[in-house]
């Protein structure tokens, strides 16, 4: 009865909104939907391709051929480039998202698995399972700048401030989660695990790491500083990918045998819902407004579009064979401000706006570390931390001087471009940021 009532309410609300638009001379043929994402990209492992889903219409609009074994997939924060690892072909393919065309390749060595974007989009990290290495790749030059030694790395989770890179190490008999100190390139510490870790992710505020494991029907929680276990939450059967919604309110995990998506309240660590999806769900990509999520269903060659508030699958889309990784592109024409709470990236596309970047700590960081704005926008940095910090342009064109707690610094960005900056006393700790200005 409750479901029937909810359906009737939805119908009446939709009909009322439609009527209002018709009376004002506008036509609205469908209920309002989330428009906080651009395109969505799907690594179609069985088809050796990348599927492209249009965000506003939620229709598959193309497939891009890549080498055999499309496995890992990541999009840099400005949405301009998509990186796809092919573990059967020892290569990473780079796609220009504006044209959906391949613009380059990066040789990796044997069996590249997971990909992740770190340091505000300055680097793409690749887990090269067969060569026991993690690659640090410059996403603009497509050059490997550094390598880190990790035994059989599978998936990766950079911290939002760029100081740590957590790696799922699957070496038989020595499985663990490794914490790499990004500044020095060495392993800071490891936590041995009973079975091989599968997926891991860091919360938007950088304080919590979640992980799943083979032969374990739970999600494990860890604090990042210090790096130690803090508990576990039982979920469905054979959990695989685990991630946070961008606002940090939910932990999402797909379960590959029970074929469902589990929702966990990140504050209370209580399960708040289980949503049936397709067969053998593999990966999750929430939209930036944290209201929806895309889930790849590897066993049924589909993508489920999930309403996280209503706790139901709103739509399924047929894609290529054996879809695995999936990522939502930030919408290039978003008119509203979109934030990842406390975290990594944001977009404020209204010309003439003033938007705020918070200086936080510990650990010292800019939140968000990557911000996309229209030309003419003023960015204001507010020191909400306890110590002194600076906002200093990489090229030396502008500098805030020392900002005490509570002090502010602002700058108006009038020319399109990418503006990296840093904090002088904490740059070595990864306190860096980027302003991306669009026309």
Protein backbone atom coordinates (compact mmCIF):
# COMPACT_ATOMS: atom_id res chain seq x y z
CA UNK A 1 0.00 0.00 0.00
CA UNK A 2 2.84 2.41 0.82
CA UNK A 3 4.40 1.77 -2.60
CA UNK A 4 1.06 2.42 -4.34
CA UNK A 5 0.61 5.65 -2.38
CA UNK A 6 4.12 6.80 -3.25
CA UNK A 7 3.53 6.09 -6.94
CA UNK A 8 0.28 8.10 -6.90
CA UNK A 9 2.01 11.03 -5.19
CA UNK A 10 4.79 10.96 -7.77
CA UNK A 11 2.25 10.91 -10.62
CA UNK A 12 0.26 13.81 -9.20
CA UNK A 13 3.38 15.87 -8.55
CA UNK A 14 4.65 15.25 -12.07
CA UNK A 15 1.26 16.13 -13.60
CA UNK A 16 1.08 19.34 -11.54
CA UNK A 17 4.58 20.44 -12.56
CA UNK A 18 3.84 19.63 -16.21
CA UNK A 19 0.64 21.69 -16.03
CA UNK A 20 2.45 24.68 -14.60
CA UNK A 21 5.01 24.61 -17.43
CA UNK A 22 2.30 24.35 -20.09
CA UNK A 23 0.44 27.32 -18.57
CA UNK A 24 3.58 29.43 -18.72
CA UNK A 25 4.23 28.59 -22.34
CA UNK A 26 6.89 25.95 -21.72
CA UNK A 27 6.58 22.24 -22.35
CA UNK A 28 7.96 19.69 -19.91
CA UNK A 29 7.48 16.15 -21.19
CA UNK A 30 9.36 14.22 -18.48
CA UNK A 31 9.75 14.60 -14.72
CA UNK A 32 12.75 16.66 -13.63
CA UNK A 33 15.93 14.61 -13.37
CA UNK A 34 19.41 15.05 -12.02
CA UNK A 35 21.62 17.01 -14.41
CA UNK A 36 24.75 17.03 -12.29
CA UNK A 37 26.74 14.80 -14.63
CA UNK A 38 27.96 14.95 -18.19
CA UNK A 39 28.66 11.71 -19.98
CA UNK A 40 29.31 8.40 -18.27
CA UNK A 41 32.00 6.03 -19.52
CA UNK A 42 31.90 2.23 -19.16
CA UNK A 43 34.82 -0.17 -19.62
CA UNK A 44 33.26 -3.03 -21.62
CA UNK A 45 35.70 -5.84 -20.85
CA UNK A 46 34.12 -8.45 -23.10
CA UNK A 47 33.72 -6.10 -26.07
CA UNK A 48 37.15 -4.42 -25.87
CA UNK A 49 35.43 -1.05 -25.93
CA UNK A 50 34.30 1.89 -23.84
CA UNK A 51 30.59 2.65 -23.82
CA UNK A 52 29.42 6.26 -23.69
CA UNK A 53 26.19 7.20 -21.90
CA UNK A 54 24.73 10.69 -22.31
CA UNK A 55 24.00 12.14 -18.85
CA UNK A 56 20.80 14.15 -19.31
CA UNK A 57 19.06 11.58 -21.57
CA UNK A 58 20.67 8.47 -20.04
CA UNK A 59 21.05 6.83 -23.46
CA UNK A 60 24.02 4.90 -24.82
CA UNK A 61 25.39 7.14 -27.57
CA UNK A 62 28.51 5.28 -28.69
CA UNK A 63 31.27 2.76 -28.17
CA UNK A 64 35.00 3.52 -28.45
CA UNK A 65 37.30 0.66 -29.44
CA UNK A 66 40.25 0.00 -27.09
CA UNK A 67 42.77 -2.88 -26.83
CA UNK A 68 41.69 -6.23 -25.39
CA UNK A 69 40.80 -6.49 -21.73
CA UNK A 70 39.29 -3.07 -20.88
CA UNK A 71 39.53 -3.15 -17.10
CA UNK A 72 40.33 0.05 -15.19
CA UNK A 73 38.80 3.44 -16.03
CA UNK A 74 39.22 6.94 -14.60
CA UNK A 75 38.35 10.52 -15.60
CA UNK A 76 40.43 13.52 -14.55
CA UNK A 77 38.53 16.19 -12.54
CA UNK A 78 38.02 18.66 -15.39
CA UNK A 79 36.29 15.90 -17.36
CA UNK A 80 38.48 16.33 -20.44
CA UNK A 81 40.29 12.98 -20.56
CA UNK A 82 39.34 9.38 -19.90
CA UNK A 83 42.01 6.77 -19.08
CA UNK A 84 41.35 3.07 -19.73
CA UNK A 85 43.67 0.20 -18.78
CA UNK A 86 43.63 -3.00 -20.85
CA UNK A 87 45.05 -5.82 -18.77
CA UNK A 88 45.35 -8.25 -21.67
CA UNK A 89 47.21 -5.70 -23.79
CA UNK A 90 49.60 -3.99 -21.33
CA UNK A 91 48.44 -0.53 -22.33
CA UNK A 92 46.46 2.48 -21.12
CA UNK A 93 44.31 4.23 -23.72
CA UNK A 94 43.63 7.97 -23.42
CA UNK A 95 40.33 9.34 -24.75
CA UNK A 96 39.50 12.97 -25.50
CA UNK A 97 36.07 13.35 -23.88
CA UNK A 98 35.11 16.33 -26.03
CA UNK A 99 35.29 14.23 -29.21
CA UNK A 100 35.18 10.69 -27.75
CA UNK A 101 38.28 9.83 -29.73
CA UNK A 102 41.50 8.07 -28.74
CA UNK A 103 44.34 10.60 -28.55
CA UNK A 104 47.15 8.52 -27.11
CA UNK A 105 48.38 5.34 -25.46
CA UNK A 106 50.71 4.63 -22.56
CA UNK A 107 52.66 1.34 -22.36
CA UNK A 108 52.38 -0.05 -18.84
CA UNK A 109 53.96 -3.45 -18.50
CA UNK A 110 52.11 -6.65 -17.66
CA UNK A 111 48.47 -6.67 -16.55
CA UNK A 112 47.46 -3.10 -15.70
CA UNK A 113 44.47 -3.30 -13.36
CA UNK A 114 42.95 -0.40 -11.40
CA UNK A 115 43.28 3.29 -12.21
CA UNK A 116 42.76 6.25 -9.86
CA UNK A 117 43.16 10.01 -10.06
CA UNK A 118 45.09 11.76 -7.30
CA UNK A 119 46.54 15.12 -6.26
CA UNK A 120 43.63 17.15 -7.61
CA UNK A 121 43.99 15.65 -11.07
CA UNK A 122 47.74 16.17 -11.36
CA UNK A 123 48.43 12.46 -11.61
CA UNK A 124 46.74 9.26 -12.73
CA UNK A 125 47.87 6.19 -10.82
CA UNK A 126 47.90 2.75 -12.45
CA UNK A 127 48.25 -0.59 -10.65
CA UNK A 128 50.42 -2.81 -12.86
CA UNK A 129 49.69 -6.20 -11.32
CA UNK A 130 52.12 -8.32 -13.33
CA UNK A 131 55.12 -6.03 -12.81
CA UNK A 132 54.59 -5.31 -9.09
CA UNK A 133 54.49 -1.57 -9.69
CA UNK A 134 52.25 1.46 -9.39
CA UNK A 135 52.77 4.09 -12.09
CA UNK A 136 52.41 7.82 -11.49
CA UNK A 137 51.33 9.31 -14.83
CA UNK A 138 51.14 12.96 -15.85
CA UNK A 139 47.66 13.19 -17.46
CA UNK A 140 48.72 16.03 -19.79
CA UNK A 141 52.06 14.79 -21.11
CA UNK A 142 51.04 11.11 -20.77
CA UNK A 143 54.50 10.39 -19.35
CA UNK A 144 55.23 8.07 -16.42
CA UNK A 145 56.91 10.33 -13.89
CA UNK A 146 57.54 7.84 -11.08
CA UNK A 147 57.03 4.20 -10.17
CA UNK A 148 56.30 2.73 -6.73
CA UNK A 149 57.11 -0.87 -5.82
CA UNK A 150 54.07 -2.79 -4.54
CA UNK A 151 53.54 -6.56 -4.78
CA UNK A 152 50.68 -7.46 -7.18
CA UNK A 153 48.75 -4.17 -6.89
CA UNK A 154 45.09 -4.46 -7.86
CA UNK A 155 43.11 -1.32 -6.97
CA UNK A 156 44.11 2.07 -5.56
CA UNK A 157 42.67 4.84 -3.39
CA UNK A 158 44.44 8.24 -3.24
CA UNK A 159 43.73 10.48 -0.27
CA UNK A 160 42.00 13.77 -1.19
CA UNK A 161 44.97 15.86 -0.05
CA UNK A 162 47.41 13.88 -2.22
CA UNK A 163 49.67 12.76 0.63
CA UNK A 164 48.74 9.05 0.71
CA UNK A 165 48.04 6.37 -1.87
CA UNK A 166 46.42 3.23 -0.48
CA UNK A 167 46.98 0.10 -2.57
CA UNK A 168 45.30 -3.33 -2.48
CA UNK A 169 48.24 -5.75 -2.65
CA UNK A 170 47.24 -9.28 -3.68
CA UNK A 171 50.54 -11.18 -3.46
CA UNK A 172 49.68 -14.77 -2.44
CA UNK A 173 50.53 -15.39 1.20
CA UNK A 174 51.35 -11.73 1.82
CA UNK A 175 48.09 -9.91 1.07
CA UNK A 176 47.83 -6.45 2.60
CA UNK A 177 46.77 -2.85 2.19
CA UNK A 178 49.81 -0.64 1.63
CA UNK A 179 49.94 3.07 2.45
CA UNK A 180 52.37 4.86 0.13
CA UNK A 181 53.83 8.20 1.20
CA UNK A 182 53.36 10.02 -2.11
CA UNK A 183 55.99 12.66 -1.35
CA UNK A 184 58.81 10.16 -0.80
CA UNK A 185 57.41 7.38 -2.98
CA UNK A 186 57.96 4.78 -0.28
CA UNK A 187 55.56 2.55 1.63
CA UNK A 188 54.72 4.25 4.90
CA UNK A 189 53.01 1.24 6.47
CA UNK A 190 51.01 -1.89 5.66
CA UNK A 191 48.12 -3.73 7.26
CA UNK A 192 48.20 -7.50 6.58
CA UNK A 193 44.86 -8.98 5.52
CA UNK A 194 43.44 -12.50 5.87
CA UNK A 195 42.43 -12.65 2.19
CA UNK A 196 43.13 -10.61 -0.93
CA UNK A 197 41.76 -7.05 -0.84
CA UNK A 198 39.48 -6.27 -3.77
CA UNK A 199 38.42 -2.62 -3.70
CA UNK A 200 39.17 0.33 -1.45
CA UNK A 201 38.27 4.01 -1.25
CA UNK A 202 38.93 7.04 0.94
CA UNK A 203 36.17 9.29 2.29
CA UNK A 204 35.87 12.82 0.86
CA UNK A 205 37.29 14.30 4.07
CA UNK A 206 40.27 11.94 3.94
CA UNK A 207 39.76 10.38 7.37
CA UNK A 208 38.25 6.96 6.55
CA UNK A 209 39.33 4.10 4.28
CA UNK A 210 36.88 1.34 3.34
CA UNK A 211 37.86 -2.00 1.79
CA UNK A 212 36.35 -5.27 0.59
CA UNK A 213 38.01 -8.71 0.44
CA UNK A 214 37.66 -12.09 -1.23
CA UNK A 215 35.72 -14.65 0.85
CA UNK A 216 34.47 -11.99 3.26
CA UNK A 217 30.90 -10.68 3.31
CA UNK A 218 31.69 -7.40 5.02
CA UNK A 219 33.16 -3.95 4.47
CA UNK A 220 36.15 -3.13 6.66
CA UNK A 221 36.72 0.40 7.99
CA UNK A 222 40.09 2.00 8.77
CA UNK A 223 41.23 5.38 10.03
CA UNK A 224 43.83 6.93 7.72
CA UNK A 225 45.86 8.83 10.34
CA UNK A 226 46.90 6.70 12.12
CA UNK A 227 46.35 3.89 9.63
CA UNK A 228 44.52 1.21 11.61
CA UNK A 229 41.36 -0.88 11.55
CA UNK A 230 38.26 0.54 13.22
CA UNK A 231 35.60 -2.11 12.55
CA UNK A 232 33.55 -3.92 9.92
CA UNK A 233 29.95 -3.92 8.64
CA UNK A 234 28.26 -7.07 7.26
CA UNK A 235 26.80 -6.54 3.78
CA UNK A 236 25.64 -8.85 0.97
CA UNK A 237 27.25 -11.94 -0.52
CA UNK A 238 30.68 -11.38 -2.13
CA UNK A 239 31.11 -7.58 -1.91
CA UNK A 240 33.29 -6.03 -4.60
CA UNK A 241 33.50 -2.29 -5.26
CA UNK A 242 33.07 0.07 -2.30
CA UNK A 243 32.92 3.85 -2.54
CA UNK A 244 31.54 6.98 -0.88
CA UNK A 245 28.94 9.37 -2.23
CA UNK A 246 30.57 12.74 -3.00
CA UNK A 247 28.86 14.37 0.00
CA UNK A 248 30.35 11.68 2.26
CA UNK A 249 27.00 10.66 3.73
CA UNK A 250 26.84 7.10 2.36
CA UNK A 251 29.15 4.18 1.76
CA UNK A 252 28.03 2.16 -1.27
CA UNK A 253 29.04 -1.44 -1.97
CA UNK A 254 27.98 -3.90 -4.68
CA UNK A 255 27.65 -7.60 -3.86
CA UNK A 256 28.38 -9.97 -6.75
CA UNK A 257 26.56 -13.10 -5.58
CA UNK A 258 23.49 -11.57 -3.91
CA UNK A 259 23.27 -9.10 -6.86
CA UNK A 260 22.52 -6.00 -4.84
CA UNK A 261 23.79 -2.59 -3.80
CA UNK A 262 24.17 -2.01 -0.05
CA UNK A 263 23.84 1.50 1.42
CA UNK A 264 25.67 2.24 4.69
CA UNK A 265 25.28 5.44 6.68
CA UNK A 266 28.88 6.63 6.97
CA UNK A 267 28.29 8.29 10.34
CA UNK A 268 26.47 5.53 12.19
CA UNK A 269 27.86 2.68 10.05
CA UNK A 270 24.41 1.14 9.89
CA UNK A 271 23.02 -0.48 6.73
CA UNK A 272 20.15 1.70 5.49
CA UNK A 273 19.16 -0.22 2.38
CA UNK A 274 19.79 -3.07 -0.07
CA UNK A 275 18.78 -2.50 -3.68
CA UNK A 276 18.52 -5.33 -6.18
CA UNK A 277 20.46 -4.66 -9.39
CA UNK A 278 21.54 -6.83 -12.34
CA UNK A 279 23.69 -9.95 -12.34
CA UNK A 280 27.23 -9.80 -10.93
CA UNK A 281 27.45 -6.06 -10.21
CA UNK A 282 31.03 -4.87 -10.54
CA UNK A 283 31.49 -1.10 -10.05
CA UNK A 284 29.68 2.01 -8.81
CA UNK A 285 29.84 5.65 -9.88
CA UNK A 286 27.64 8.07 -7.92
CA UNK A 287 26.56 11.34 -9.50
CA UNK A 288 28.06 14.51 -8.05
CA UNK A 289 24.80 15.50 -6.32
CA UNK A 290 24.96 12.19 -4.36
CA UNK A 291 21.34 11.39 -5.27
CA UNK A 292 21.95 8.71 -7.89
CA UNK A 293 24.50 6.07 -8.82
CA UNK A 294 25.40 4.07 -11.91
CA UNK A 295 26.18 0.36 -11.31
CA UNK A 296 27.73 -1.93 -13.91
CA UNK A 297 26.11 -5.38 -14.07
CA UNK A 298 28.85 -7.52 -15.59
CA UNK A 299 26.77 -10.69 -15.76
CA UNK A 300 23.78 -9.15 -17.55
CA UNK A 301 25.61 -6.64 -19.80
CA UNK A 302 23.71 -3.73 -18.30
CA UNK A 303 24.12 -0.57 -16.29
CA UNK A 304 21.62 0.09 -13.50
CA UNK A 305 20.73 3.71 -12.77
CA UNK A 306 19.87 3.80 -9.07
CA UNK A 307 17.87 6.39 -7.15
CA UNK A 308 19.66 6.44 -3.78
CA UNK A 309 16.94 8.43 -2.02
CA UNK A 310 14.07 6.21 -3.15
CA UNK A 311 16.29 3.10 -2.92
CA UNK A 312 15.27 1.68 -6.26
CA UNK A 313 16.58 1.08 -9.77
CA UNK A 314 15.07 3.80 -11.92
CA UNK A 315 16.37 2.55 -15.25
CA UNK A 316 18.56 -0.17 -16.82
CA UNK A 317 20.66 0.39 -19.93
CA UNK A 318 22.01 -2.34 -22.18
CA UNK A 319 25.71 -1.78 -22.89
CA UNK A 320 28.61 -3.84 -24.31
CA UNK A 321 29.74 -7.23 -23.07
CA UNK A 322 30.88 -7.68 -19.45
CA UNK A 323 30.89 -4.04 -18.29
CA UNK A 324 33.31 -3.46 -15.43
CA UNK A 325 34.59 -0.04 -14.40
CA UNK A 326 32.41 3.05 -14.80
CA UNK A 327 32.93 6.77 -14.18
CA UNK A 328 30.73 9.85 -14.43
CA UNK A 329 32.17 12.91 -16.13
CA UNK A 330 31.62 16.29 -14.44
CA UNK A 331 28.98 18.14 -16.44
CA UNK A 332 30.65 20.80 -18.64
CA UNK A 333 27.60 23.08 -18.56
CA UNK A 334 26.49 22.77 -14.95
CA UNK A 335 24.79 25.95 -13.82
CA UNK A 336 24.65 25.08 -10.13
CA UNK A 337 27.55 24.82 -7.73
CA UNK A 338 28.52 21.22 -7.06
CA UNK A 339 30.72 20.23 -4.18
CA UNK A 340 32.28 17.11 -2.80
CA UNK A 341 31.96 17.72 0.92
CA UNK A 342 35.29 18.51 2.51
CA UNK A 343 36.94 17.12 -0.45
CA UNK A 344 38.52 16.63 -3.72
CA UNK A 345 36.87 18.52 -6.52
CA UNK A 346 34.06 20.94 -7.23
CA UNK A 347 32.51 22.99 -9.99
CA UNK A 348 31.05 26.49 -9.79
CA UNK A 349 30.24 27.49 -13.32
CA UNK A 350 28.31 30.72 -12.86
CA UNK A 351 30.17 33.72 -14.28
CA UNK A 352 30.65 36.52 -11.77
CA UNK A 353 30.12 34.27 -8.73
CA UNK A 354 32.29 34.23 -5.66
CA UNK A 355 33.13 30.72 -4.55
CA UNK A 356 34.94 29.60 -1.42
CA UNK A 357 37.83 27.21 -0.96
CA UNK A 358 38.41 26.23 2.65
CA UNK A 359 41.88 25.81 4.07
CA UNK A 360 41.61 22.84 6.41
CA UNK A 361 43.69 20.51 8.57
CA UNK A 362 45.01 18.29 9.84
CA UNK A 363 46.13 17.01 7.42
CA UNK A 364 46.68 20.40 5.75
CA UNK A 365 44.62 20.70 2.56
CA UNK A 366 42.54 22.89 0.29
CA UNK A 367 38.89 21.82 0.10
CA UNK A 368 38.06 21.38 -2.69
CA UNK A 369 41.56 20.88 -4.07
CA UNK A 370 40.32 21.20 -7.67
CA UNK A 371 37.76 23.86 -8.61
CA UNK A 372 36.28 24.56 -12.05
CA UNK A 373 34.84 28.05 -12.65
CA UNK A 374 33.75 30.34 -15.46
CA UNK A 375 35.95 33.28 -16.45
CA UNK A 376 35.04 36.24 -14.27
CA UNK A 377 34.58 34.21 -11.10
CA UNK A 378 36.20 35.30 -7.84
CA UNK A 379 37.71 32.55 -5.69
CA UNK A 380 37.99 33.24 -1.97
CA UNK A 381 40.23 31.14 0.27
CA UNK A 382 39.28 31.05 3.97
CA UNK A 383 41.69 29.69 6.56
CA UNK A 384 39.49 27.50 8.77
CA UNK A 385 42.50 25.62 10.16
CA UNK A 386 44.50 26.40 13.30
CA UNK A 387 47.89 27.26 11.76
CA UNK A 388 49.38 29.62 9.20
CA UNK A 389 48.99 28.86 5.49
CA UNK A 390 49.58 30.53 2.13
CA UNK A 391 47.86 30.45 -1.26
CA UNK A 392 50.72 30.70 -3.75
CA UNK A 393 50.59 30.47 -7.54
CA UNK A 394 52.96 27.92 -9.10
CA UNK A 395 54.31 30.54 -11.52
CA UNK A 396 54.77 33.23 -8.87
CA UNK A 397 52.13 35.57 -10.31
CA UNK A 398 50.14 35.89 -7.07
CA UNK A 399 50.52 35.05 -3.41
CA UNK A 400 48.36 35.58 -0.34
CA UNK A 401 51.14 35.96 2.18
CA UNK A 402 50.70 34.21 5.51
CA UNK A 403 47.05 33.71 6.43
CA UNK A 404 46.23 33.38 10.11
CA UNK A 405 43.19 31.36 11.26
CA UNK A 406 40.06 33.16 10.09
CA UNK A 407 41.81 35.30 7.48
CA UNK A 408 40.81 35.33 3.82
CA UNK A 409 42.40 35.87 0.42
CA UNK A 410 40.58 36.31 -2.89
CA UNK A 411 41.44 36.56 -6.56
CA UNK A 412 39.28 37.10 -9.64
CA UNK A 413 40.06 34.77 -12.58
CA UNK A 414 39.34 36.43 -15.92
CA UNK A 415 41.37 34.35 -18.39
CA UNK A 416 40.59 30.70 -19.28
CA UNK A 417 43.30 28.27 -18.26
CA UNK A 418 44.58 25.99 -15.52
CA UNK A 419 46.08 27.62 -12.43
CA UNK A 420 47.94 25.29 -10.04
CA UNK A 421 48.84 26.66 -6.62
CA UNK A 422 50.16 25.50 -3.26
CA UNK A 423 50.80 26.34 0.39
CA UNK A 424 54.46 27.28 0.94
CA UNK A 425 54.97 25.60 4.36
CA UNK A 426 52.94 22.49 3.49
CA UNK A 427 53.65 21.83 -0.18
CA UNK A 428 55.84 18.83 0.67
CA UNK A 429 52.86 17.38 2.54
CA UNK A 430 50.73 17.53 -0.60
CA UNK A 431 48.88 20.77 0.14
CA UNK A 432 48.28 21.76 -3.50
CA UNK A 433 45.30 22.94 -5.46
CA UNK A 434 44.13 23.76 -8.99
CA UNK A 435 41.74 26.36 -10.38
CA UNK A 436 40.38 25.47 -13.84
CA UNK A 437 38.87 28.47 -15.63
CA UNK A 438 36.56 27.89 -18.60
CA UNK A 439 35.24 30.42 -21.10
